PDB file of N, CA and C in Angstrom:
ATOM      1  N   UNK A   1     -12.057   1.876   3.746  1.00  0.00           N
ATOM      2  CA  UNK A   1     -11.078   1.032   3.051  1.00  0.00           C
ATOM      3  C   UNK A   1     -10.751   1.613   1.678  1.00  0.00           C
ATOM      4  N   UNK A   2      -9.505   1.490   1.311  1.00  0.00           N
ATOM      5  CA  UNK A   2      -9.082   2.001   0.010  1.00  0.00           C
ATOM      6  C   UNK A   2      -9.542   1.075  -1.101  1.00  0.00           C
ATOM      7  N   UNK A   3      -9.867   1.671  -2.230  1.00  0.00           N
ATOM      8  CA  UNK A   3     -10.196   0.867  -3.408  1.00  0.00           C
ATOM      9  C   UNK A   3      -8.904   0.532  -4.138  1.00  0.00           C
ATOM     10  N   UNK A   4      -8.905  -0.524  -4.950  1.00  0.00           N
ATOM     11  CA  UNK A   4      -7.696  -0.951  -5.678  1.00  0.00           C
ATOM     12  C   UNK A   4      -7.019   0.196  -6.420  1.00  0.00           C
ATOM     13  N   UNK A   5      -7.790   1.049  -7.072  1.00  0.00           N
ATOM     14  CA  UNK A   5      -7.199   2.171  -7.808  1.00  0.00           C
ATOM     15  C   UNK A   5      -6.475   3.110  -6.860  1.00  0.00           C
ATOM     16  N   UNK A   6      -7.124   3.425  -5.740  1.00  0.00           N
ATOM     17  CA  UNK A   6      -6.517   4.310  -4.758  1.00  0.00           C
ATOM     18  C   UNK A   6      -5.268   3.671  -4.171  1.00  0.00           C
ATOM     19  N   UNK A   7      -5.344   2.372  -3.949  1.00  0.00           N
ATOM     20  CA  UNK A   7      -4.213   1.649  -3.388  1.00  0.00           C
ATOM     21  C   UNK A   7      -3.018   1.746  -4.317  1.00  0.00           C
ATOM     22  N   UNK A   8      -3.282   1.659  -5.621  1.00  0.00           N
ATOM     23  CA  UNK A   8      -2.215   1.758  -6.604  1.00  0.00           C
ATOM     24  C   UNK A   8      -1.566   3.137  -6.544  1.00  0.00           C
ATOM     25  N   UNK A   9      -2.391   4.161  -6.364  1.00  0.00           N
ATOM     26  CA  UNK A   9      -1.874   5.526  -6.250  1.00  0.00           C
ATOM     27  C   UNK A   9      -0.996   5.655  -5.012  1.00  0.00           C
ATOM     28  N   UNK A  10      -1.454   5.043  -3.936  1.00  0.00           N
ATOM     29  CA  UNK A  10      -0.701   5.095  -2.678  1.00  0.00           C
ATOM     30  C   UNK A  10       0.656   4.432  -2.852  1.00  0.00           C
ATOM     31  N   UNK A  11       0.661   3.274  -3.509  1.00  0.00           N
ATOM     32  CA  UNK A  11       1.919   2.558  -3.743  1.00  0.00           C
ATOM     33  C   UNK A  11       2.878   3.424  -4.547  1.00  0.00           C
ATOM     34  N   UNK A  12       2.359   4.066  -5.597  1.00  0.00           N
ATOM     35  CA  UNK A  12       3.199   4.928  -6.437  1.00  0.00           C
ATOM     36  C   UNK A  12       3.751   6.086  -5.626  1.00  0.00           C
ATOM     37  N   UNK A  13       2.895   6.689  -4.810  1.00  0.00           N
ATOM     38  CA  UNK A  13       3.299   7.829  -3.996  1.00  0.00           C
ATOM     39  C   UNK A  13       4.398   7.424  -3.014  1.00  0.00           C
ATOM     40  N   UNK A  14       4.226   6.261  -2.383  1.00  0.00           N
ATOM     41  CA  UNK A  14       5.223   5.803  -1.422  1.00  0.00           C
ATOM     42  C   UNK A  14       6.537   5.494  -2.121  1.00  0.00           C
ATOM     43  N   UNK A  15       6.452   4.909  -3.312  1.00  0.00           N
ATOM     44  CA  UNK A  15       7.654   4.574  -4.065  1.00  0.00           C
ATOM     45  C   UNK A  15       8.418   5.847  -4.399  1.00  0.00           C
ATOM     46  N   UNK A  16       7.664   6.908  -4.653  1.00  0.00           N
ATOM     47  CA  UNK A  16       8.239   8.211  -4.980  1.00  0.00           C
ATOM     48  C   UNK A  16       9.136   8.683  -3.835  1.00  0.00           C
ATOM     49  N   UNK A  17       8.717   8.410  -2.614  1.00  0.00           N
ATOM     50  CA  UNK A  17       9.464   8.854  -1.445  1.00  0.00           C
ATOM     51  C   UNK A  17      10.462   7.809  -0.961  1.00  0.00           C
ATOM     52  N   UNK A  18      10.626   6.742  -1.741  1.00  0.00           N
ATOM     53  CA  UNK A  18      11.612   5.729  -1.379  1.00  0.00           C
ATOM     54  C   UNK A  18      11.132   4.788  -0.293  1.00  0.00           C
ATOM     55  N   UNK A  19       9.841   4.764  -0.088  1.00  0.00           N
ATOM     56  CA  UNK A  19       9.289   3.842   0.907  1.00  0.00           C
ATOM     57  C   UNK A  19       8.756   2.618   0.180  1.00  0.00           C
ATOM     58  N   UNK A  20       9.160   1.465   0.626  1.00  0.00           N
ATOM     59  CA  UNK A  20       8.700   0.235  -0.015  1.00  0.00           C
ATOM     60  C   UNK A  20       7.430  -0.235   0.678  1.00  0.00           C
ATOM     61  N   UNK A  21       6.391  -0.379  -0.131  1.00  0.00           N
ATOM     62  CA  UNK A  21       5.088  -0.798   0.380  1.00  0.00           C
ATOM     63  C   UNK A  21       4.955  -2.295   0.161  1.00  0.00           C
ATOM     64  N   UNK A  22       4.835  -3.047   1.253  1.00  0.00           N
ATOM     65  CA  UNK A  22       4.811  -4.492   1.126  1.00  0.00           C
ATOM     66  C   UNK A  22       3.545  -5.064   1.752  1.00  0.00           C
ATOM     67  N   UNK A  23       2.919  -5.983   1.023  1.00  0.00           N
ATOM     68  CA  UNK A  23       1.772  -6.702   1.579  1.00  0.00           C
ATOM     69  C   UNK A  23       2.049  -8.194   1.476  1.00  0.00           C
ATOM     70  N   UNK A  24       1.375  -8.962   2.297  1.00  0.00           N
ATOM     71  CA  UNK A  24       1.529 -10.409   2.250  1.00  0.00           C
ATOM     72  C   UNK A  24       2.762 -10.901   2.982  1.00  0.00           C
ATOM     73  N   UNK A  25       3.371 -10.056   3.820  1.00  0.00           N
ATOM     74  CA  UNK A  25       4.533 -10.504   4.606  1.00  0.00           C
ATOM     75  C   UNK A  25       4.134 -10.599   6.083  1.00  0.00           C
ATOM     76  N   UNK A  26       4.998 -10.108   6.972  1.00  0.00           N
ATOM     77  CA  UNK A  26       4.737 -10.237   8.403  1.00  0.00           C
ATOM     78  C   UNK A  26       3.482  -9.474   8.821  1.00  0.00           C
ATOM     79  N   UNK A  27       3.269  -8.312   8.235  1.00  0.00           N
ATOM     80  CA  UNK A  27       2.142  -7.482   8.660  1.00  0.00           C
ATOM     81  C   UNK A  27       1.503  -6.800   7.462  1.00  0.00           C
ATOM     82  N   UNK A  28       0.290  -6.292   7.671  1.00  0.00           N
ATOM     83  CA  UNK A  28      -0.436  -5.575   6.620  1.00  0.00           C
ATOM     84  C   UNK A  28      -0.653  -4.136   7.082  1.00  0.00           C
ATOM     85  N   UNK A  29      -0.633  -3.225   6.144  1.00  0.00           N
ATOM     86  CA  UNK A  29      -0.997  -1.847   6.511  1.00  0.00           C
ATOM     87  C   UNK A  29      -2.413  -1.818   7.080  1.00  0.00           C
ATOM     88  N   UNK A  30      -2.688  -0.867   7.930  1.00  0.00           N
ATOM     89  CA  UNK A  30      -3.990  -0.812   8.587  1.00  0.00           C
ATOM     90  C   UNK A  30      -5.116  -0.658   7.573  1.00  0.00           C
ATOM     91  N   UNK A  31      -4.851  -0.016   6.448  1.00  0.00           N
ATOM     92  CA  UNK A  31      -5.913   0.215   5.479  1.00  0.00           C
ATOM     93  C   UNK A  31      -5.983  -0.878   4.427  1.00  0.00           C
ATOM     94  N   UNK A  32      -5.207  -1.955   4.627  1.00  0.00           N
ATOM     95  CA  UNK A  32      -5.244  -3.057   3.660  1.00  0.00           C
ATOM     96  C   UNK A  32      -6.250  -4.096   4.120  1.00  0.00           C
ATOM     97  N   UNK A  33      -7.240  -4.390   3.285  1.00  0.00           N
ATOM     98  CA  UNK A  33      -8.268  -5.356   3.659  1.00  0.00           C
ATOM     99  C   UNK A  33      -8.177  -6.593   2.786  1.00  0.00           C
ATOM    100  N   UNK A  34      -7.747  -7.723   3.329  1.00  0.00           N
ATOM    101  CA  UNK A  34      -7.589  -8.965   2.566  1.00  0.00           C
ATOM    102  C   UNK A  34      -8.918  -9.673   2.305  1.00  0.00           C
TER     103      UNK A  34
END
């Protein structure tokens, strides 16, 4: 599982590529642990 810091890096990286990272909607990424 990713740590919060790593998750933040992932979000930034995805934003860089124009991919919107969304949690708390219809589905969660496989590496997101609620």
